[in-house]
Amino acid sequence: MTSDELDGAGRLDRVEAKLAITDRLYEIAYANDRQDFAAVQASYWPEARIEHGSFNGDVAAFVTFAAGVLAGCHFAAHHLSNVLVEVAGDHALAQSYFVAHQRRATADGGGEEDVFIEGRYVDRLKRRGGAWKIIRRRGFFDHRSVLPAQTPYSAWPAGVHSRMHPHDDYGELLAAFRAETAA
């Protein structure tokens, strides 16, 4: 059904769904980068399946896999763009492009390297009880490069390092903001 065929309430529901789904995708990237794996897992339905790079399995196994990958990173950032969302009732299909940067120790432990990955996520989502979560994710890598780090992570200026969950700055400020504005 096209937007022109929907009444006002149907169009509003579709717009709200697209915003909620886009927020969900951003929340997963944020939770992954901050190593908040409970939030990553909560963004998927329990029966979700994920195919991403070398991983193919359920969400619980993916969280363990991602935690292992990110445990060796000093820094991780996923940037999403070009988000497309198609909604049909309580079902949706979304595609988003990602660029990921990870700073990690080299395999031989003799230095650090920067890993840059570009690709796409293609997600099937379902709405249950008003919540949109992923039921199936496919991650495609279109580019990957590994470069020797020019400056060690420890030499980055003090006070600019991102902290991990539960002490990351945004998470702490968001909790305070919600507490202040709850009344």
N, C-alpha and C. Protein backbone atom coordinates (compact mmCIF):
# COMPACT_ATOMS: atom_id res chain seq x y z
N MET A 1 0.84 -1.18 0.00
CA MET A 1 0.00 0.00 0.00
C MET A 1 0.89 1.24 0.00
N THR A 2 0.60 2.18 -0.88
CA THR A 2 1.38 3.41 -0.95
C THR A 2 0.88 4.41 0.07
N SER A 3 1.70 5.42 0.36
CA SER A 3 1.29 6.46 1.31
C SER A 3 0.02 7.16 0.85
N ASP A 4 -0.16 7.32 -0.47
CA ASP A 4 -1.35 7.98 -0.99
C ASP A 4 -2.62 7.19 -0.69
N GLU A 5 -2.49 5.88 -0.50
CA GLU A 5 -3.65 5.04 -0.22
C GLU A 5 -3.98 4.94 1.27
N LEU A 6 -3.14 5.49 2.13
CA LEU A 6 -3.36 5.44 3.57
C LEU A 6 -4.12 6.67 4.04
N ASP A 7 -4.92 6.50 5.09
CA ASP A 7 -5.57 7.65 5.71
C ASP A 7 -4.55 8.35 6.60
N GLY A 8 -4.95 9.41 7.25
CA GLY A 8 -4.03 10.20 8.09
C GLY A 8 -3.39 9.36 9.19
N ALA A 9 -4.17 8.52 9.85
CA ALA A 9 -3.64 7.69 10.93
C ALA A 9 -2.64 6.67 10.38
N GLY A 10 -2.93 6.12 9.21
CA GLY A 10 -2.02 5.15 8.60
C GLY A 10 -0.70 5.79 8.19
N ARG A 11 -0.79 7.01 7.66
CA ARG A 11 0.45 7.71 7.28
C ARG A 11 1.28 8.06 8.50
N LEU A 12 0.60 8.52 9.56
CA LEU A 12 1.31 8.84 10.80
C LEU A 12 1.98 7.60 11.38
N ASP A 13 1.29 6.46 11.36
CA ASP A 13 1.87 5.22 11.86
C ASP A 13 3.11 4.85 11.05
N ARG A 14 3.05 5.01 9.75
CA ARG A 14 4.21 4.68 8.90
C ARG A 14 5.39 5.61 9.20
N VAL A 15 5.13 6.89 9.36
CA VAL A 15 6.21 7.84 9.69
C VAL A 15 6.81 7.51 11.05
N GLU A 16 5.95 7.25 12.03
CA GLU A 16 6.45 6.89 13.36
C GLU A 16 7.25 5.60 13.31
N ALA A 17 6.80 4.64 12.52
CA ALA A 17 7.52 3.37 12.39
C ALA A 17 8.90 3.59 11.78
N LYS A 18 8.98 4.40 10.73
CA LYS A 18 10.27 4.66 10.10
C LYS A 18 11.23 5.35 11.06
N LEU A 19 10.74 6.29 11.85
CA LEU A 19 11.59 6.95 12.84
C LEU A 19 12.05 5.98 13.93
N ALA A 20 11.13 5.14 14.41
CA ALA A 20 11.48 4.17 15.46
C ALA A 20 12.50 3.16 14.94
N ILE A 21 12.35 2.72 13.71
CA ILE A 21 13.29 1.76 13.12
C ILE A 21 14.65 2.40 12.92
N THR A 22 14.68 3.62 12.42
CA THR A 22 15.95 4.32 12.23
C THR A 22 16.65 4.51 13.58
N ASP A 23 15.89 4.91 14.61
CA ASP A 23 16.46 5.03 15.95
C ASP A 23 17.02 3.69 16.42
N ARG A 24 16.29 2.61 16.17
CA ARG A 24 16.75 1.27 16.58
C ARG A 24 18.11 0.96 15.94
N LEU A 25 18.26 1.26 14.66
CA LEU A 25 19.52 0.99 13.97
C LEU A 25 20.66 1.80 14.57
N TYR A 26 20.39 3.07 14.86
CA TYR A 26 21.41 3.91 15.49
C TYR A 26 21.75 3.40 16.90
N GLU A 27 20.73 2.97 17.64
CA GLU A 27 20.95 2.47 19.00
C GLU A 27 21.85 1.24 19.00
N ILE A 28 21.68 0.35 18.01
CA ILE A 28 22.51 -0.84 17.94
C ILE A 28 23.97 -0.44 17.69
N ALA A 29 24.19 0.49 16.77
CA ALA A 29 25.56 0.93 16.49
C ALA A 29 26.19 1.54 17.73
N TYR A 30 25.46 2.39 18.42
CA TYR A 30 25.95 3.03 19.64
C TYR A 30 26.27 1.98 20.71
N ALA A 31 25.34 1.05 20.94
CA ALA A 31 25.53 0.02 21.97
C ALA A 31 26.73 -0.86 21.63
N ASN A 32 26.87 -1.19 20.37
CA ASN A 32 28.01 -2.01 19.93
C ASN A 32 29.33 -1.28 20.21
N ASP A 33 29.41 -0.02 19.82
CA ASP A 33 30.65 0.75 20.01
C ASP A 33 30.99 0.95 21.48
N ARG A 34 29.99 1.09 22.31
CA ARG A 34 30.22 1.31 23.74
C ARG A 34 30.30 -0.01 24.50
N GLN A 35 30.21 -1.12 23.79
CA GLN A 35 30.25 -2.47 24.36
C GLN A 35 29.16 -2.71 25.39
N ASP A 36 27.97 -2.20 25.09
CA ASP A 36 26.78 -2.44 25.92
C ASP A 36 26.03 -3.60 25.25
N PHE A 37 26.50 -4.82 25.52
CA PHE A 37 25.98 -5.96 24.78
C PHE A 37 24.58 -6.38 25.21
N ALA A 38 24.17 -5.99 26.41
CA ALA A 38 22.77 -6.23 26.80
C ALA A 38 21.84 -5.40 25.91
N ALA A 39 22.23 -4.16 25.62
CA ALA A 39 21.43 -3.31 24.74
C ALA A 39 21.45 -3.82 23.30
N VAL A 40 22.60 -4.34 22.86
CA VAL A 40 22.65 -4.94 21.52
C VAL A 40 21.65 -6.08 21.45
N GLN A 41 21.72 -6.99 22.41
CA GLN A 41 20.83 -8.16 22.39
C GLN A 41 19.37 -7.75 22.49
N ALA A 42 19.06 -6.72 23.27
CA ALA A 42 17.68 -6.27 23.43
C ALA A 42 17.10 -5.64 22.17
N SER A 43 17.94 -5.34 21.19
CA SER A 43 17.49 -4.73 19.94
C SER A 43 17.02 -5.77 18.92
N TYR A 44 17.19 -7.03 19.26
CA TYR A 44 16.79 -8.14 18.39
C TYR A 44 15.73 -8.97 19.09
N TRP A 45 14.83 -9.56 18.33
CA TRP A 45 13.90 -10.53 18.90
C TRP A 45 14.69 -11.78 19.25
N PRO A 46 14.29 -12.53 20.30
CA PRO A 46 15.09 -13.68 20.74
C PRO A 46 15.39 -14.71 19.65
N GLU A 47 14.51 -14.87 18.71
CA GLU A 47 14.69 -15.86 17.64
C GLU A 47 15.41 -15.30 16.41
N ALA A 48 15.95 -14.10 16.53
CA ALA A 48 16.60 -13.44 15.39
C ALA A 48 17.79 -14.24 14.88
N ARG A 49 18.01 -14.11 13.58
CA ARG A 49 19.17 -14.72 12.92
C ARG A 49 20.03 -13.59 12.34
N ILE A 50 21.35 -13.77 12.43
CA ILE A 50 22.27 -12.75 11.95
C ILE A 50 23.32 -13.42 11.07
N GLU A 51 23.52 -12.84 9.89
CA GLU A 51 24.62 -13.21 9.00
C GLU A 51 25.42 -11.93 8.80
N HIS A 52 26.64 -11.92 9.32
CA HIS A 52 27.44 -10.69 9.26
C HIS A 52 28.91 -11.08 9.19
N GLY A 53 29.54 -10.82 8.05
CA GLY A 53 30.93 -11.23 7.88
C GLY A 53 31.06 -12.73 8.00
N SER A 54 31.95 -13.18 8.86
CA SER A 54 32.16 -14.61 9.05
C SER A 54 31.14 -15.24 10.00
N PHE A 55 30.27 -14.42 10.59
CA PHE A 55 29.32 -14.93 11.58
C PHE A 55 27.99 -15.30 10.92
N ASN A 56 27.42 -16.41 11.35
CA ASN A 56 26.08 -16.82 10.92
C ASN A 56 25.47 -17.60 12.08
N GLY A 57 24.48 -16.99 12.76
CA GLY A 57 23.88 -17.68 13.90
C GLY A 57 22.81 -16.85 14.58
N ASP A 58 22.51 -17.21 15.82
CA ASP A 58 21.47 -16.51 16.55
C ASP A 58 22.04 -15.30 17.30
N VAL A 59 21.15 -14.53 17.88
CA VAL A 59 21.57 -13.25 18.48
C VAL A 59 22.45 -13.46 19.71
N ALA A 60 22.17 -14.48 20.52
CA ALA A 60 23.00 -14.71 21.71
C ALA A 60 24.43 -15.04 21.31
N ALA A 61 24.58 -15.87 20.29
CA ALA A 61 25.92 -16.22 19.81
C ALA A 61 26.60 -15.01 19.17
N PHE A 62 25.81 -14.16 18.49
CA PHE A 62 26.38 -12.96 17.88
C PHE A 62 26.93 -12.02 18.94
N VAL A 63 26.21 -11.84 20.03
CA VAL A 63 26.68 -10.96 21.09
C VAL A 63 28.02 -11.46 21.65
N THR A 64 28.14 -12.76 21.84
CA THR A 64 29.40 -13.33 22.30
C THR A 64 30.51 -13.10 21.27
N PHE A 65 30.19 -13.30 20.00
CA PHE A 65 31.15 -13.07 18.92
C PHE A 65 31.59 -11.61 18.89
N ALA A 66 30.63 -10.68 18.92
CA ALA A 66 30.95 -9.25 18.86
C ALA A 66 31.77 -8.82 20.08
N ALA A 67 31.43 -9.35 21.25
CA ALA A 67 32.19 -9.01 22.46
C ALA A 67 33.64 -9.45 22.32
N GLY A 68 33.87 -10.60 21.72
CA GLY A 68 35.23 -11.07 21.50
C GLY A 68 36.00 -10.19 20.55
N VAL A 69 35.35 -9.77 19.46
CA VAL A 69 36.01 -8.89 18.49
C VAL A 69 36.34 -7.54 19.13
N LEU A 70 35.37 -6.98 19.83
CA LEU A 70 35.56 -5.63 20.36
C LEU A 70 36.41 -5.58 21.63
N ALA A 71 36.59 -6.72 22.28
CA ALA A 71 37.43 -6.74 23.50
C ALA A 71 38.86 -6.30 23.19
N GLY A 72 39.31 -6.56 21.98
CA GLY A 72 40.66 -6.18 21.60
C GLY A 72 40.78 -4.79 21.01
N CYS A 73 39.69 -4.05 21.00
CA CYS A 73 39.71 -2.70 20.40
C CYS A 73 39.87 -1.63 21.47
N HIS A 74 40.72 -0.66 21.17
CA HIS A 74 40.82 0.52 22.02
C HIS A 74 39.68 1.49 21.71
N PHE A 75 39.21 1.43 20.48
CA PHE A 75 38.23 2.40 19.98
C PHE A 75 37.41 1.71 18.89
N ALA A 76 36.13 2.00 18.86
CA ALA A 76 35.27 1.50 17.79
C ALA A 76 34.19 2.54 17.51
N ALA A 77 33.90 2.76 16.24
CA ALA A 77 32.85 3.69 15.85
C ALA A 77 32.18 3.19 14.58
N HIS A 78 30.88 3.03 14.64
CA HIS A 78 30.07 2.68 13.47
C HIS A 78 29.25 3.91 13.10
N HIS A 79 29.31 4.29 11.84
CA HIS A 79 28.53 5.43 11.35
C HIS A 79 27.54 4.90 10.32
N LEU A 80 26.27 5.22 10.52
CA LEU A 80 25.22 4.76 9.60
C LEU A 80 24.72 5.91 8.75
N SER A 81 24.36 5.59 7.52
CA SER A 81 23.79 6.60 6.63
C SER A 81 22.91 5.91 5.60
N ASN A 82 22.29 6.73 4.75
CA ASN A 82 21.47 6.24 3.64
C ASN A 82 20.47 5.19 4.12
N VAL A 83 19.78 5.49 5.20
CA VAL A 83 18.82 4.55 5.78
C VAL A 83 17.54 4.58 4.95
N LEU A 84 17.17 3.42 4.44
CA LEU A 84 15.91 3.25 3.71
C LEU A 84 15.05 2.29 4.49
N VAL A 85 13.77 2.63 4.65
CA VAL A 85 12.87 1.79 5.42
C VAL A 85 11.56 1.63 4.64
N GLU A 86 11.15 0.40 4.47
CA GLU A 86 9.85 0.07 3.85
C GLU A 86 9.02 -0.60 4.93
N VAL A 87 7.82 -0.06 5.18
CA VAL A 87 6.96 -0.55 6.25
C VAL A 87 5.66 -1.10 5.66
N ALA A 88 5.25 -2.26 6.16
CA ALA A 88 3.96 -2.86 5.82
C ALA A 88 3.35 -3.40 7.11
N GLY A 89 2.49 -2.59 7.73
CA GLY A 89 1.88 -3.00 9.00
C GLY A 89 2.92 -3.15 10.08
N ASP A 90 3.03 -4.38 10.62
CA ASP A 90 3.98 -4.66 11.70
C ASP A 90 5.26 -5.30 11.19
N HIS A 91 5.53 -5.19 9.90
CA HIS A 91 6.73 -5.75 9.28
C HIS A 91 7.46 -4.63 8.54
N ALA A 92 8.79 -4.74 8.52
CA ALA A 92 9.58 -3.72 7.82
C ALA A 92 10.86 -4.33 7.27
N LEU A 93 11.34 -3.69 6.24
CA LEU A 93 12.64 -4.01 5.65
C LEU A 93 13.44 -2.71 5.65
N ALA A 94 14.67 -2.79 6.14
CA ALA A 94 15.52 -1.59 6.19
C ALA A 94 16.89 -1.91 5.61
N GLN A 95 17.46 -0.91 4.98
CA GLN A 95 18.85 -1.00 4.53
C GLN A 95 19.56 0.25 5.02
N SER A 96 20.77 0.05 5.52
CA SER A 96 21.59 1.19 5.93
C SER A 96 23.03 0.90 5.53
N TYR A 97 23.73 1.96 5.14
CA TYR A 97 25.15 1.86 4.85
C TYR A 97 25.90 2.11 6.15
N PHE A 98 27.05 1.44 6.31
CA PHE A 98 27.86 1.71 7.48
C PHE A 98 29.31 1.90 7.10
N VAL A 99 29.98 2.72 7.90
CA VAL A 99 31.43 2.85 7.89
C VAL A 99 31.87 2.60 9.32
N ALA A 100 32.75 1.65 9.51
CA ALA A 100 33.23 1.32 10.85
C ALA A 100 34.73 1.53 10.92
N HIS A 101 35.17 2.03 12.06
CA HIS A 101 36.60 2.23 12.32
C HIS A 101 36.89 1.59 13.67
N GLN A 102 37.91 0.74 13.69
CA GLN A 102 38.34 0.11 14.93
C GLN A 102 39.84 0.30 15.09
N ARG A 103 40.26 0.69 16.29
CA ARG A 103 41.68 0.78 16.63
C ARG A 103 41.97 -0.42 17.52
N ARG A 104 42.97 -1.20 17.14
CA ARG A 104 43.30 -2.40 17.89
C ARG A 104 44.80 -2.66 17.84
N ALA A 105 45.25 -3.55 18.73
CA ALA A 105 46.65 -3.97 18.71
C ALA A 105 46.87 -4.87 17.49
N THR A 106 48.06 -4.83 16.95
CA THR A 106 48.39 -5.73 15.85
C THR A 106 48.46 -7.16 16.38
N ALA A 107 48.32 -8.12 15.49
CA ALA A 107 48.32 -9.52 15.88
C ALA A 107 49.61 -9.93 16.59
N ASP A 108 50.73 -9.32 16.20
CA ASP A 108 52.01 -9.66 16.82
C ASP A 108 52.27 -8.87 18.10
N GLY A 109 51.36 -7.93 18.44
CA GLY A 109 51.50 -7.13 19.65
C GLY A 109 52.57 -6.06 19.56
N GLY A 110 53.12 -5.83 18.37
CA GLY A 110 54.19 -4.87 18.22
C GLY A 110 53.74 -3.46 17.88
N GLY A 111 52.48 -3.21 17.89
CA GLY A 111 51.98 -1.87 17.55
C GLY A 111 50.46 -1.88 17.49
N GLU A 112 49.93 -0.87 16.83
CA GLU A 112 48.49 -0.75 16.68
C GLU A 112 48.15 -0.56 15.21
N GLU A 113 46.90 -0.86 14.87
CA GLU A 113 46.43 -0.70 13.50
C GLU A 113 44.99 -0.18 13.51
N ASP A 114 44.65 0.46 12.41
CA ASP A 114 43.29 0.96 12.21
C ASP A 114 42.62 0.10 11.15
N VAL A 115 41.45 -0.40 11.50
CA VAL A 115 40.65 -1.21 10.58
C VAL A 115 39.48 -0.35 10.14
N PHE A 116 39.31 -0.24 8.83
CA PHE A 116 38.19 0.51 8.25
C PHE A 116 37.34 -0.46 7.42
N ILE A 117 36.05 -0.47 7.70
CA ILE A 117 35.14 -1.36 6.98
C ILE A 117 33.96 -0.53 6.49
N GLU A 118 33.59 -0.75 5.25
CA GLU A 118 32.38 -0.14 4.69
C GLU A 118 31.48 -1.25 4.21
N GLY A 119 30.19 -1.02 4.36
CA GLY A 119 29.25 -2.04 3.91
C GLY A 119 27.82 -1.61 4.13
N ARG A 120 26.95 -2.62 4.15
CA ARG A 120 25.52 -2.38 4.31
C ARG A 120 24.93 -3.39 5.28
N TYR A 121 23.91 -2.96 5.99
CA TYR A 121 23.05 -3.86 6.76
C TYR A 121 21.71 -3.93 6.04
N VAL A 122 21.20 -5.11 5.89
CA VAL A 122 19.84 -5.30 5.38
C VAL A 122 19.10 -6.04 6.49
N ASP A 123 18.08 -5.39 7.02
CA ASP A 123 17.38 -5.89 8.21
C ASP A 123 15.90 -6.11 7.94
N ARG A 124 15.39 -7.23 8.44
CA ARG A 124 13.95 -7.45 8.55
C ARG A 124 13.59 -7.17 10.00
N LEU A 125 12.56 -6.37 10.19
CA LEU A 125 12.12 -6.03 11.54
C LEU A 125 10.65 -6.38 11.72
N LYS A 126 10.28 -6.63 12.98
CA LYS A 126 8.88 -6.86 13.34
C LYS A 126 8.53 -5.98 14.52
N ARG A 127 7.27 -5.54 14.52
CA ARG A 127 6.77 -4.76 15.65
C ARG A 127 5.89 -5.68 16.49
N ARG A 128 6.23 -5.76 17.76
CA ARG A 128 5.43 -6.54 18.72
C ARG A 128 5.26 -5.67 19.95
N GLY A 129 4.02 -5.57 20.42
CA GLY A 129 3.77 -4.77 21.61
C GLY A 129 4.24 -3.34 21.46
N GLY A 130 4.24 -2.83 20.22
CA GLY A 130 4.65 -1.46 19.95
C GLY A 130 6.15 -1.27 19.75
N ALA A 131 6.95 -2.34 19.94
CA ALA A 131 8.41 -2.22 19.83
C ALA A 131 8.90 -2.83 18.52
N TRP A 132 9.74 -2.09 17.81
CA TRP A 132 10.37 -2.58 16.60
C TRP A 132 11.72 -3.18 16.96
N LYS A 133 11.94 -4.44 16.56
CA LYS A 133 13.22 -5.09 16.76
C LYS A 133 13.56 -5.90 15.51
N ILE A 134 14.84 -6.20 15.38
CA ILE A 134 15.30 -6.96 14.22
C ILE A 134 15.02 -8.43 14.40
N ILE A 135 14.52 -9.05 13.34
CA ILE A 135 14.28 -10.49 13.31
C ILE A 135 15.32 -11.20 12.44
N ARG A 136 15.89 -10.46 11.48
CA ARG A 136 16.94 -11.01 10.62
C ARG A 136 17.84 -9.87 10.14
N ARG A 137 19.14 -10.09 10.27
CA ARG A 137 20.11 -9.10 9.79
C ARG A 137 21.13 -9.79 8.89
N ARG A 138 21.41 -9.11 7.78
CA ARG A 138 22.51 -9.51 6.91
C ARG A 138 23.45 -8.33 6.79
N GLY A 139 24.71 -8.56 7.09
CA GLY A 139 25.72 -7.52 6.97
C GLY A 139 26.64 -7.85 5.82
N PHE A 140 26.83 -6.89 4.94
CA PHE A 140 27.67 -7.07 3.76
C PHE A 140 28.88 -6.15 3.87
N PHE A 141 30.06 -6.70 3.65
CA PHE A 141 31.29 -5.90 3.63
C PHE A 141 31.62 -5.58 2.19
N ASP A 142 31.62 -4.30 1.85
CA ASP A 142 31.96 -3.87 0.50
C ASP A 142 33.42 -3.44 0.40
N HIS A 143 34.02 -3.09 1.53
CA HIS A 143 35.43 -2.67 1.55
C HIS A 143 35.98 -2.89 2.95
N ARG A 144 37.24 -3.30 3.00
CA ARG A 144 37.94 -3.44 4.28
C ARG A 144 39.41 -3.12 4.04
N SER A 145 39.96 -2.29 4.91
CA SER A 145 41.40 -2.02 4.84
C SER A 145 41.95 -1.95 6.25
N VAL A 146 43.19 -2.38 6.38
CA VAL A 146 43.90 -2.36 7.66
C VAL A 146 45.18 -1.57 7.44
N LEU A 147 45.34 -0.51 8.24
CA LEU A 147 46.49 0.38 8.09
C LEU A 147 47.26 0.48 9.40
N PRO A 148 48.57 0.56 9.34
CA PRO A 148 49.34 0.77 10.58
C PRO A 148 48.95 2.12 11.20
N ALA A 149 48.77 2.12 12.50
CA ALA A 149 48.42 3.36 13.21
C ALA A 149 49.61 4.31 13.22
N GLN A 150 49.35 5.57 12.97
CA GLN A 150 50.41 6.58 12.96
C GLN A 150 50.76 7.05 14.37
N THR A 151 49.76 7.04 15.25
CA THR A 151 49.94 7.49 16.63
C THR A 151 49.31 6.46 17.56
N PRO A 152 50.01 6.03 18.60
CA PRO A 152 49.39 5.06 19.51
C PRO A 152 48.17 5.68 20.21
N TYR A 153 47.22 4.83 20.51
CA TYR A 153 46.00 5.27 21.19
C TYR A 153 46.34 5.99 22.49
N SER A 154 47.34 5.50 23.20
CA SER A 154 47.71 6.12 24.48
C SER A 154 48.23 7.54 24.32
N ALA A 155 48.64 7.91 23.10
CA ALA A 155 49.16 9.26 22.86
C ALA A 155 48.07 10.25 22.45
N TRP A 156 46.84 9.74 22.26
CA TRP A 156 45.74 10.67 21.95
C TRP A 156 45.57 11.60 23.15
N PRO A 157 45.17 12.84 22.93
CA PRO A 157 45.07 13.79 24.05
C PRO A 157 44.17 13.28 25.17
N ALA A 158 44.62 13.52 26.39
CA ALA A 158 43.84 13.11 27.57
C ALA A 158 42.47 13.76 27.54
N GLY A 159 41.47 13.01 27.97
CA GLY A 159 40.11 13.54 28.06
C GLY A 159 39.29 13.39 26.80
N VAL A 160 39.88 12.89 25.73
CA VAL A 160 39.11 12.75 24.50
C VAL A 160 38.80 11.28 24.18
N HIS A 161 39.28 10.37 24.97
CA HIS A 161 39.00 8.95 24.74
C HIS A 161 37.54 8.65 25.07
N SER A 162 36.91 7.87 24.22
CA SER A 162 35.57 7.40 24.50
C SER A 162 35.62 6.33 25.58
N ARG A 163 34.71 6.44 26.52
CA ARG A 163 34.64 5.42 27.57
C ARG A 163 33.57 4.40 27.20
N MET A 164 33.65 3.23 27.79
CA MET A 164 32.72 2.15 27.49
C MET A 164 31.58 2.10 28.50
N HIS A 165 30.53 1.42 28.12
CA HIS A 165 29.38 1.21 28.99
C HIS A 165 29.84 0.57 30.29
N PRO A 166 29.36 0.93 31.42
CA PRO A 166 28.27 1.87 31.68
C PRO A 166 28.72 3.29 31.99
N HIS A 167 29.99 3.61 31.70
CA HIS A 167 30.53 4.92 32.08
C HIS A 167 30.74 5.87 30.90
N ASP A 168 30.15 5.55 29.75
CA ASP A 168 30.35 6.47 28.62
C ASP A 168 29.59 7.76 28.88
N ASP A 169 30.11 8.84 28.35
CA ASP A 169 29.57 10.17 28.65
C ASP A 169 28.11 10.33 28.22
N TYR A 170 27.77 9.88 27.02
CA TYR A 170 26.39 10.03 26.57
C TYR A 170 25.44 9.26 27.48
N GLY A 171 25.81 8.03 27.81
CA GLY A 171 24.95 7.22 28.68
C GLY A 171 24.71 7.86 30.03
N GLU A 172 25.78 8.41 30.61
CA GLU A 172 25.64 9.08 31.90
C GLU A 172 24.79 10.34 31.79
N LEU A 173 25.04 11.15 30.75
CA LEU A 173 24.25 12.38 30.57
C LEU A 173 22.80 12.08 30.23
N LEU A 174 22.56 11.01 29.46
CA LEU A 174 21.19 10.63 29.12
C LEU A 174 20.42 10.21 30.36
N ALA A 175 21.05 9.43 31.24
CA ALA A 175 20.39 9.03 32.48
C ALA A 175 20.05 10.24 33.34
N ALA A 176 20.97 11.18 33.44
CA ALA A 176 20.72 12.40 34.22
C ALA A 176 19.61 13.23 33.58
N PHE A 177 19.63 13.35 32.26
CA PHE A 177 18.61 14.10 31.54
C PHE A 177 17.23 13.50 31.78
N ARG A 178 17.13 12.19 31.67
CA ARG A 178 15.84 11.53 31.88
C ARG A 178 15.36 11.68 33.31
N ALA A 179 16.27 11.63 34.26
CA ALA A 179 15.89 11.81 35.66
C ALA A 179 15.38 13.23 35.91
N GLU A 180 16.04 14.22 35.31
CA GLU A 180 15.65 15.62 35.50
C GLU A 180 14.32 15.95 34.83
N THR A 181 14.04 15.30 33.71
CA THR A 181 12.85 15.66 32.93
C THR A 181 11.69 14.68 33.14
N ALA A 182 11.82 13.74 34.07
CA ALA A 182 10.80 12.71 34.27
C ALA A 182 9.51 13.26 34.87
N ALA A 183 9.59 14.35 35.56
CA ALA A 183 8.42 14.86 36.28
C ALA A 183 7.37 15.40 35.39
